[in-house]
Amino acid sequence: MKLDYNIIWVEDKIETRPFVALRENLKKHLEDEFFNVKIEFAEDFDGFKNKYETTDVFDLIITDLNLNESHGSEVIDFVRDEKHLLTEIFFYSANSDILNTKLINSSRITYHKMDEANAYRELGSSITELVNLTISKFQHIVTMRGMIMHETSSLDLKMENIVKKQINNPELSDSIKPVLDTIFDKIFANASEKYKKAEKRKAKEILNDNVLFNSSQKIFALGEILKIMKEENFSEDYINQIILIRNQFAHSELIKDGDGREFFKVKGEEIYFDKDLCRSIRKNINTHFININRIEDKIK
């Protein structure tokens, strides 16, 4: 899971009012957790199989037991036996036989029997509980570090493409020249510093160094271009919300306090690693993808 949360829901009554309300509530819940949500639908096993063959990357499969002429167990057996995937599955029915359904592999399956009273409300609550469980599994430090590195690398590439395109834009040549001069001055200063470090031949200084044209250089250039374009300059927010967070995850040690809570120590400040921090990170990455995509679209 990155910032996307993909669900496929197999239900022959998916277009009826209760299920429309359930899926809208589920979508809103995930969006409130700052995921990009996509919910695919199928009415029976054949429809599911066709969808799965084209998009087999799902974070959750939801299926009813009885599906027109087919059966929810076919969905599960297909994923487990033919695809050999342990995707989380939510398996529900008003039929009490659901708990006795024979499956090839019953691991990572949540069973839910719908009762007459409050059936849909309880179904929605159970699905949300499972979704929250899947989210919590991905809010581990190692998984979050991988997600942050992947997403910020994508943002880095987008920034670089915007900067290159605008630097070569003849209409901005006069305004861009001071930006280029500043970039060259900074690179020269960094290169001179690196040369001096290399000349000393002290391994410690070299091993702790970063690349010349780094993310800070790119966001500086993008910020100056945003000023020239008279667009909202989000570069400072990007530095604080993306670059600093990435550096904390990449270079800071995760420590546990006496109560078992995990935190980073950054300049003497304790930043706690919990679901609120993970939620904030997803929100900020999504925000800056929107910001940068908007600029990309504008200069095409």
Foldseek 3Di string as FASTA:
>chain_A
DFLAAEEEEAAQCCVDDLNVVLVVVVCVVSVLLQGHYDYHYHQADVRVVVVCVVPVDHQEYEYEQDRPVHGPLSVVQCCCPVVVDLRAYEYEYCDPCSVVDDHPDDPNYHYYHADPPCRSVVVSVVVVVVVVVSVVVCLDLVNLLVSLVVLVVVVLVLLVVLLVVVCPPVVCVVLCVVLVVVLVVQLVVVVVVQVVVVVVVDVVVNVPDDDRCDSLSSLSSSQSVCVVVVHDRCSVVCCVLRVVVSCQSVPFDWDADPVRWTFTQDPNDTHTRDSVNVSSNSNSSVVVVVVSVVSVVVSD
